[in-house]
Each structure stands twice: as structure tokens, then as C-alpha cells.
């Protein structure tokens, strides 16, 4: 699953197009009742996406793909730490989505190098990514303390949203 960048997010369209050219199934997120779902979209076909009410483009056909079929997720954010913590836009959408993924699903934060910081605020329900890829480097996130990993349920979280 990739994402359609908007605003000041790093452009990743060429990545999705390259994966599609290799025959990969490309998914994009969309919001449904405040929760992220994933649906197929063709990054080379402008008709396969449409504007959302909150910024990024979303799949035009909102047919949710079972989470068990998602094996890799590119995750946007305002900032990331080397340990994999992520600062999002405040809705908790990606944190809940990452929690509900199958254990073993790889989550990769994607940002500009300037967005990779020494410290960002985070709480117990914030989900980390496994890798952070910037325009200058790739960082393998280090596990630290009791913070959650993608696909690991925090005590106060439940799946089935």
C-alpha cells in the first residue's frame, strides 16, 4: 500500500508506477467512517483516483482489500524518529490502521531528510514503522522500550474497526 502525497509530502508517484510496471498490486488508503481502508488503484491511470475531502487523492473505487493481503505499507507523516516513531496529522488514523495489520506486515515511513528528527512526541497508542526512507538515507528503526510495533495490539486497542 502506498499513498498519494499532498501538500509538502515527499512525491512518491514514480515508486508506485515502478511497482505497477513490475506487476505489483497497488493499494491506496481511503477513509471510511474515520478509519483507513485500502483499495486497489492504478498509479498510471488518473481516473483510478479522485480527490478526498481532506487533502490526498483516494481510490475512485472503494472496494476494501482484506488486511491479510497487505504486506507492505508506505506511511506518510509530519516527522519521524530513527527509532520509528511517527508524528502524524493528529487523527490517529494510521496508528489504528497499523495496529490492525497482520503481524509481519512491513511499515515504511517516507519523508524528506529534514523530517527525520532526534525526538518527537509519542504516546502508548502511537505505532512505529520498521524503516524510515528519506531523500538522503534509509534508517532501520530500532526497537526501544515498551512502544508498540506495527501489527502489535496495544492493551487499549482492538481490531475489528
Protein backbone atom coordinates (compact mmCIF):
# COMPACT_ATOMS: atom_id res chain seq x y z
CA UNK A 1 0.00 0.00 0.00
CA UNK A 2 1.36 3.37 -0.96
CA UNK A 3 -0.22 6.81 -0.53
CA UNK A 4 -0.99 9.82 -2.68
CA UNK A 5 1.16 12.64 -1.31
CA UNK A 6 -0.33 16.09 -0.85
CA UNK A 7 0.85 19.42 0.50
CA UNK A 8 4.53 19.28 1.44
CA UNK A 9 4.78 15.46 1.47
CA UNK A 10 7.60 13.88 -0.49
CA UNK A 11 6.49 12.86 -4.01
CA UNK A 12 6.40 9.07 -4.35
CA UNK A 13 4.33 8.64 -7.52
CA UNK A 14 7.25 7.22 -9.50
CA UNK A 15 7.68 4.49 -6.88
CA UNK A 16 4.07 3.30 -7.26
CA UNK A 17 4.32 3.47 -11.05
CA UNK A 18 7.55 1.40 -11.00
CA UNK A 19 5.92 -1.24 -8.78
CA UNK A 20 2.87 -1.36 -11.03
CA UNK A 21 5.12 -1.79 -14.08
CA UNK A 22 6.59 -4.87 -12.35
CA UNK A 23 3.13 -6.30 -11.87
CA UNK A 24 2.67 -5.40 -8.20
CA UNK A 25 -0.83 -4.85 -6.88
CA UNK A 26 -1.02 -1.20 -5.76
CA UNK A 27 -3.31 -0.14 -2.94
CA UNK A 28 -4.14 3.36 -1.76
CA UNK A 29 -5.71 4.34 1.56
CA UNK A 30 -9.11 5.97 1.92
CA UNK A 31 -11.13 7.00 4.95
CA UNK A 32 -14.36 5.20 5.74
CA UNK A 33 -16.17 6.33 8.89
CA UNK A 34 -12.89 7.72 10.24
CA UNK A 35 -10.88 4.52 9.63
CA UNK A 36 -8.31 3.83 6.93
CA UNK A 37 -9.18 1.13 4.43
CA UNK A 38 -7.10 0.04 1.44
CA UNK A 39 -8.36 -0.34 -2.13
CA UNK A 40 -6.70 -1.04 -5.46
CA UNK A 41 -5.68 1.89 -7.63
CA UNK A 42 -3.59 2.19 -10.77
CA UNK A 43 -0.99 4.94 -10.28
CA UNK A 44 -0.61 5.28 -14.04
CA UNK A 45 -4.35 5.92 -14.54
CA UNK A 46 -5.54 9.34 -13.30
CA UNK A 47 -9.13 8.05 -13.48
CA UNK A 48 -8.44 5.47 -10.77
CA UNK A 49 -8.15 8.19 -8.11
CA UNK A 50 -10.35 11.07 -7.00
CA UNK A 51 -9.96 13.96 -4.56
CA UNK A 52 -10.77 13.35 -0.92
CA UNK A 53 -12.37 15.90 1.34
CA UNK A 54 -9.23 16.24 3.47
CA UNK A 55 -6.34 16.57 1.01
CA UNK A 56 -4.88 13.48 -0.67
CA UNK A 57 -6.26 11.59 -3.62
CA UNK A 58 -8.10 8.35 -2.85
CA UNK A 59 -9.08 5.31 -4.92
CA UNK A 60 -12.12 6.05 -7.08
CA UNK A 61 -13.45 2.53 -6.49
CA UNK A 62 -13.64 1.98 -2.74
CA UNK A 63 -13.60 -1.78 -2.60
CA UNK A 64 -11.71 -2.63 0.60
CA UNK A 65 -8.93 -5.19 0.40
CA UNK A 66 -8.67 -7.59 3.37
CA UNK A 67 -5.85 -6.51 5.68
CA UNK A 68 -4.33 -10.00 5.45
CA UNK A 69 -3.50 -9.17 1.80
CA UNK A 70 -1.47 -6.07 2.73
CA UNK A 71 2.21 -6.99 3.08
CA UNK A 72 3.88 -3.58 2.90
CA UNK A 73 2.64 -0.09 3.82
CA UNK A 74 4.27 3.22 2.94
CA UNK A 75 3.34 5.65 5.70
CA UNK A 76 3.33 9.45 5.42
CA UNK A 77 3.98 11.72 8.38
CA UNK A 78 4.96 15.18 9.53
CA UNK A 79 8.08 13.79 11.22
CA UNK A 80 9.79 10.51 12.15
CA UNK A 81 12.42 9.38 14.66
CA UNK A 82 15.20 6.91 13.92
CA UNK A 83 13.51 4.52 16.36
CA UNK A 84 10.47 4.50 14.06
CA UNK A 85 8.14 6.79 15.99
CA UNK A 86 5.92 8.87 13.75
CA UNK A 87 4.17 12.20 14.13
CA UNK A 88 1.03 12.21 12.01
CA UNK A 89 -1.68 14.74 11.41
CA UNK A 90 -3.50 14.17 14.71
CA UNK A 91 -6.36 11.86 13.79
CA UNK A 92 -4.73 8.57 14.80
CA UNK A 93 -5.85 7.01 11.50
CA UNK A 94 -2.54 5.38 10.60
CA UNK A 95 -1.91 4.29 14.20
CA UNK A 96 -5.19 2.35 14.22
CA UNK A 97 -4.58 1.00 10.72
CA UNK A 98 -1.07 -0.22 11.56
CA UNK A 99 -2.37 -1.86 14.74
CA UNK A 100 -4.93 -3.86 12.78
CA UNK A 101 -2.46 -5.20 10.19
CA UNK A 102 -1.19 -8.75 10.36
CA UNK A 103 1.97 -9.20 12.39
CA UNK A 104 4.90 -9.22 9.97
CA UNK A 105 3.49 -6.56 7.65
CA UNK A 106 6.31 -4.11 6.90
CA UNK A 107 5.62 -0.43 7.60
CA UNK A 108 7.93 2.12 5.97
CA UNK A 109 7.85 5.80 6.85
CA UNK A 110 8.57 8.05 3.88
CA UNK A 111 9.71 11.65 4.30
CA UNK A 112 12.31 14.28 3.49
CA UNK A 113 15.57 14.11 5.47
CA UNK A 114 14.61 17.33 7.29
CA UNK A 115 11.60 15.47 8.74
CA UNK A 116 13.78 12.85 10.44
CA UNK A 117 14.23 14.25 13.94
CA UNK A 118 16.00 13.24 17.13
CA UNK A 119 12.82 13.41 19.22
CA UNK A 120 9.12 13.74 18.55
CA UNK A 121 6.19 13.43 20.97
CA UNK A 122 4.58 10.00 21.12
CA UNK A 123 2.20 8.04 23.34
CA UNK A 124 1.39 4.42 24.10
CA UNK A 125 -1.06 4.03 21.20
CA UNK A 126 1.34 5.51 18.62
CA UNK A 127 2.58 2.88 16.20
CA UNK A 128 6.14 2.77 14.90
CA UNK A 129 7.39 1.95 11.44
CA UNK A 130 10.11 -0.61 10.66
CA UNK A 131 12.09 1.63 8.30
CA UNK A 132 12.25 5.32 7.50
CA UNK A 133 13.22 6.20 3.94
CA UNK A 134 14.18 9.78 3.20
CA UNK A 135 15.54 11.51 0.13
CA UNK A 136 19.04 11.00 1.64
CA UNK A 137 19.05 7.77 3.64
CA UNK A 138 17.26 4.66 4.78
CA UNK A 139 17.07 4.08 8.52
CA UNK A 140 16.29 0.71 10.07
CA UNK A 141 14.16 1.60 13.09
CA UNK A 142 15.49 0.44 16.43
CA UNK A 143 13.06 -1.02 18.94
CA UNK A 144 13.19 0.76 22.24
CA UNK A 145 11.20 0.49 25.48
CA UNK A 146 7.55 -0.53 25.54
CA UNK A 147 6.37 1.27 22.42
CA UNK A 148 4.25 -0.71 20.00
CA UNK A 149 5.39 -2.21 16.72
CA UNK A 150 3.14 -2.29 13.64
CA UNK A 151 0.71 -5.17 13.89
CA UNK A 152 1.05 -5.45 17.68
CA UNK A 153 -2.10 -4.67 19.61
CA UNK A 154 -1.68 -2.17 22.44
CA UNK A 155 -3.66 -3.06 25.58
CA UNK A 156 -6.27 -0.36 24.94
CA UNK A 157 -6.66 -1.12 21.24
CA UNK A 158 -8.77 -3.70 19.47
CA UNK A 159 -9.19 -4.78 15.89
CA UNK A 160 -12.46 -5.04 14.02
CA UNK A 161 -12.96 -1.36 13.39
